[in-house]
N, C-alpha and C. Protein backbone atom coordinates (compact mmCIF):
# COMPACT_ATOMS: atom_id res chain seq x y z
N UNK A 1 110.28 27.64 120.28
CA UNK A 1 111.17 27.51 121.54
C UNK A 1 110.54 26.14 122.10
N UNK A 2 111.30 25.35 122.52
CA UNK A 2 111.14 23.93 122.91
C UNK A 2 110.15 23.81 123.92
N UNK A 3 109.56 22.47 124.24
CA UNK A 3 108.95 22.72 125.56
C UNK A 3 109.77 22.11 126.84
N UNK A 4 110.77 21.68 126.70
CA UNK A 4 111.68 21.46 127.58
C UNK A 4 112.17 22.49 128.49
N UNK A 5 112.04 22.35 129.86
CA UNK A 5 112.63 23.50 130.64
C UNK A 5 114.00 22.99 131.00
N UNK A 6 114.86 24.17 131.22
CA UNK A 6 116.12 24.00 131.59
C UNK A 6 116.36 23.35 132.96
N UNK A 7 117.46 22.74 133.41
CA UNK A 7 117.68 22.18 134.84
C UNK A 7 117.65 23.27 136.04
N UNK A 8 118.24 24.25 135.61
CA UNK A 8 118.34 25.62 136.55
C UNK A 8 117.79 26.94 135.73
N UNK A 9 117.09 27.61 136.56
CA UNK A 9 116.51 29.05 136.29
C UNK A 9 116.40 29.98 137.16
N UNK A 10 116.72 31.29 136.71
CA UNK A 10 116.68 32.44 137.63
C UNK A 10 116.16 33.55 137.00
N UNK A 11 115.31 34.41 138.02
CA UNK A 11 114.99 35.45 137.56
C UNK A 11 115.61 36.66 137.41
N UNK A 12 116.79 36.44 138.04
CA UNK A 12 117.67 37.80 138.27
C UNK A 12 118.24 37.82 137.01
N UNK A 13 118.57 39.12 136.46
CA UNK A 13 119.20 39.17 135.00
C UNK A 13 120.32 39.27 134.96
N UNK A 14 121.38 39.10 136.20
CA UNK A 14 122.77 39.30 136.14
C UNK A 14 123.14 37.70 136.16
N UNK A 15 122.15 36.89 136.47
CA UNK A 15 122.64 35.52 136.73
C UNK A 15 122.99 34.90 135.31
N UNK A 16 123.67 33.80 135.02
CA UNK A 16 124.05 33.16 133.87
C UNK A 16 122.65 32.31 133.68
N UNK A 17 121.91 32.04 134.47
CA UNK A 17 120.96 30.91 134.39
C UNK A 17 119.52 31.89 134.32
N UNK A 18 119.60 33.03 133.83
CA UNK A 18 118.54 33.72 133.44
C UNK A 18 118.20 33.45 131.87
N UNK A 19 116.75 33.42 131.79
CA UNK A 19 116.37 33.39 130.52
C UNK A 19 115.18 34.32 130.47
N UNK A 20 114.96 35.48 130.04
CA UNK A 20 113.98 36.16 129.62
C UNK A 20 112.69 35.69 128.68
N UNK A 21 112.95 35.05 127.55
CA UNK A 21 112.09 34.37 126.88
C UNK A 21 111.36 33.46 127.28
N UNK A 22 111.95 32.46 128.02
CA UNK A 22 111.24 31.66 128.82
C UNK A 22 110.36 32.01 130.13
N UNK A 23 110.97 32.89 130.73
CA UNK A 23 110.21 33.90 131.91
C UNK A 23 109.21 34.30 131.64
N UNK A 24 109.12 34.93 130.20
CA UNK A 24 107.73 35.67 130.02
C UNK A 24 106.63 34.58 129.39
N UNK A 25 107.05 33.60 128.97
CA UNK A 25 106.10 32.45 128.73
C UNK A 25 105.37 32.01 130.06
N UNK A 26 105.89 31.73 131.06
CA UNK A 26 105.45 31.74 132.17
C UNK A 26 105.70 30.33 132.91
N UNK A 27 106.64 30.50 133.90
CA UNK A 27 106.91 28.96 134.45
C UNK A 27 106.21 29.04 135.75
N UNK A 28 105.89 27.77 136.09
CA UNK A 28 105.36 27.28 137.50
C UNK A 28 106.10 26.47 138.08
N UNK A 29 106.20 26.39 139.52
CA UNK A 29 107.03 25.55 140.03
C UNK A 29 106.04 24.83 141.26
N UNK A 30 106.16 23.74 141.01
CA UNK A 30 105.61 22.73 142.47
C UNK A 30 106.78 22.36 143.12
N UNK A 31 106.90 22.57 144.61
CA UNK A 31 107.81 22.21 145.41
C UNK A 31 107.28 21.34 146.26
N UNK A 32 107.74 20.20 146.55
CA UNK A 32 107.46 19.31 147.76
C UNK A 32 105.64 19.20 147.43
N UNK A 33 105.17 19.25 146.16
CA UNK A 33 103.82 18.93 145.83
C UNK A 33 103.00 20.37 146.11
N UNK A 34 103.62 21.16 146.42
CA UNK A 34 102.76 22.72 146.47
C UNK A 34 103.18 23.43 145.85
N UNK A 35 102.23 24.40 145.08
CA UNK A 35 102.47 25.63 144.20
C UNK A 35 103.08 26.61 144.95
N UNK A 36 104.45 26.90 144.28
CA UNK A 36 105.17 28.38 145.07
C UNK A 36 104.88 29.20 143.71
N UNK A 37 104.68 30.42 144.50
CA UNK A 37 104.73 31.55 143.62
C UNK A 37 105.74 32.86 143.92
N UNK A 38 106.59 32.58 144.84
CA UNK A 38 107.77 33.49 145.26
C UNK A 38 109.03 32.82 144.95
N UNK A 39 109.06 31.92 143.85
CA UNK A 39 110.46 31.27 143.70
C UNK A 39 111.45 32.14 142.93
N UNK A 40 112.56 32.46 143.54
CA UNK A 40 113.60 33.26 142.35
C UNK A 40 114.44 32.59 141.47
N UNK A 41 114.60 31.05 141.73
CA UNK A 41 115.60 30.43 141.18
C UNK A 41 115.43 29.12 141.81
N UNK A 42 115.52 28.00 140.62
CA UNK A 42 115.71 26.47 141.23
C UNK A 42 116.63 26.03 140.54
N UNK A 43 116.90 24.54 140.90
CA UNK A 43 117.80 23.63 140.41
C UNK A 43 117.21 22.36 140.35
N UNK A 44 116.50 21.65 139.35
CA UNK A 44 116.25 20.38 139.43
C UNK A 44 116.92 19.18 139.79
N UNK A 45 118.10 18.97 139.21
CA UNK A 45 118.93 18.05 139.84
C UNK A 45 119.46 18.15 140.82
N UNK A 46 119.82 19.00 141.54
CA UNK A 46 120.36 19.29 142.92
C UNK A 46 119.20 19.46 144.12
N UNK A 47 117.83 19.68 143.46
CA UNK A 47 116.82 19.64 144.26
C UNK A 47 116.59 20.73 145.24
N UNK A 48 116.53 22.00 144.95
CA UNK A 48 116.63 23.01 145.68
C UNK A 48 115.63 24.00 144.93
N UNK A 49 115.20 25.12 145.79
CA UNK A 49 114.57 26.43 145.03
C UNK A 49 115.02 27.69 146.22
N UNK A 50 115.15 28.70 145.54
CA UNK A 50 115.44 29.80 146.31
C UNK A 50 114.28 30.58 146.20
N UNK A 51 113.49 30.77 147.70
CA UNK A 51 112.45 31.61 147.45
C UNK A 51 112.61 32.97 148.21
N UNK A 52 111.91 34.07 147.96
CA UNK A 52 112.05 35.36 148.37
C UNK A 52 111.22 35.25 149.84
N UNK A 53 112.13 36.26 150.68
CA UNK A 53 111.46 36.48 152.12
C UNK A 53 110.56 37.76 152.35
N UNK A 54 109.20 37.68 151.67
CA UNK A 54 108.36 38.82 151.97
C UNK A 54 108.90 40.01 151.10
N UNK A 55 108.96 41.13 151.35
CA UNK A 55 109.34 42.39 150.86
C UNK A 55 110.74 42.98 151.17
N UNK A 56 111.56 41.89 151.74
CA UNK A 56 112.81 42.54 152.56
C UNK A 56 113.80 42.53 151.38
N UNK A 57 114.49 43.21 151.11
CA UNK A 57 115.65 43.53 149.91
C UNK A 57 116.95 43.78 150.64
N UNK A 58 118.18 43.42 149.96
CA UNK A 58 119.65 43.32 150.49
C UNK A 58 119.88 45.17 150.09
N UNK A 59 121.04 45.54 150.74
CA UNK A 59 121.51 46.89 150.25
C UNK A 59 121.58 47.19 148.57
N UNK A 60 121.61 45.77 147.71
CA UNK A 60 121.56 46.32 146.19
C UNK A 60 120.12 46.39 145.75
N UNK A 61 119.08 46.21 146.68
CA UNK A 61 117.89 46.18 145.79
C UNK A 61 117.24 44.88 145.63
N UNK A 62 118.04 44.04 145.88
CA UNK A 62 117.75 42.46 145.33
C UNK A 62 116.95 41.96 146.43
N UNK A 63 116.04 40.95 146.47
CA UNK A 63 115.25 40.42 147.41
C UNK A 63 116.20 39.40 148.25
N UNK A 64 115.99 39.43 149.52
CA UNK A 64 116.62 38.43 150.31
C UNK A 64 115.94 36.84 150.12
N UNK A 65 116.50 35.84 149.93
CA UNK A 65 116.26 34.65 149.50
C UNK A 65 116.64 33.47 150.60
N UNK A 66 115.83 32.58 150.79
CA UNK A 66 116.14 31.29 151.42
C UNK A 66 116.39 30.00 150.93
N UNK A 67 117.11 29.44 150.84
CA UNK A 67 117.35 27.85 149.99
C UNK A 67 116.44 26.68 150.70
N UNK A 68 115.54 26.22 149.83
CA UNK A 68 114.74 25.11 150.53
C UNK A 68 115.22 23.80 149.78
N UNK A 69 115.28 22.87 150.25
CA UNK A 69 115.71 21.77 149.41
C UNK A 69 114.69 20.56 149.71
N UNK A 70 114.44 19.88 148.38
CA UNK A 70 113.32 18.91 148.02
C UNK A 70 113.21 18.80 146.73
N UNK A 71 112.03 18.02 146.43
CA UNK A 71 111.90 17.94 144.76
C UNK A 71 111.26 18.98 144.12
N UNK A 72 111.75 19.40 143.05
CA UNK A 72 111.25 20.21 142.31
C UNK A 72 110.60 19.93 140.81
N UNK A 73 109.31 20.36 140.32
CA UNK A 73 108.80 20.33 139.31
C UNK A 73 108.35 21.49 138.57
N UNK A 74 109.24 21.86 137.69
CA UNK A 74 108.75 22.87 137.10
C UNK A 74 108.12 22.67 135.67
N UNK A 75 106.79 23.63 135.22
CA UNK A 75 106.20 23.28 134.16
C UNK A 75 106.03 24.94 133.63
N UNK A 76 105.62 24.62 132.44
CA UNK A 76 105.05 25.85 131.80
C UNK A 76 103.72 26.10 131.81
N UNK A 77 103.33 27.44 132.16
CA UNK A 77 101.91 27.53 132.61
C UNK A 77 100.69 28.02 131.42
N UNK A 78 101.50 28.57 130.09
CA UNK A 78 100.81 28.63 128.87
C UNK A 78 101.08 27.28 127.87
N UNK A 79 100.25 27.52 127.04
CA UNK A 79 100.33 26.50 125.78
C UNK A 79 101.29 27.20 124.74
N UNK A 80 102.27 26.31 124.09
CA UNK A 80 103.21 26.73 123.22
C UNK A 80 102.36 27.61 121.97
N UNK A 81 103.21 28.37 121.09
CA UNK A 81 102.30 29.26 120.19
C UNK A 81 103.00 28.49 118.85
């Protein structure tokens, strides 16, 4: 697996930007210089993240999200094997 991260990544299995192998390795997100742990999806080129809003879910059981704009810096949390 390469050490370059995709421009866009989602934790939702129904999304075309979902990548299970990469998510299992562990992805960290720095947004506006702060570490975010509740990111559901990000896009580096467009400069936004979708963060979950607590434990609230929609009628299909997916977390409710809010889109925040600003500089996004994804990184791998573990070392490559």
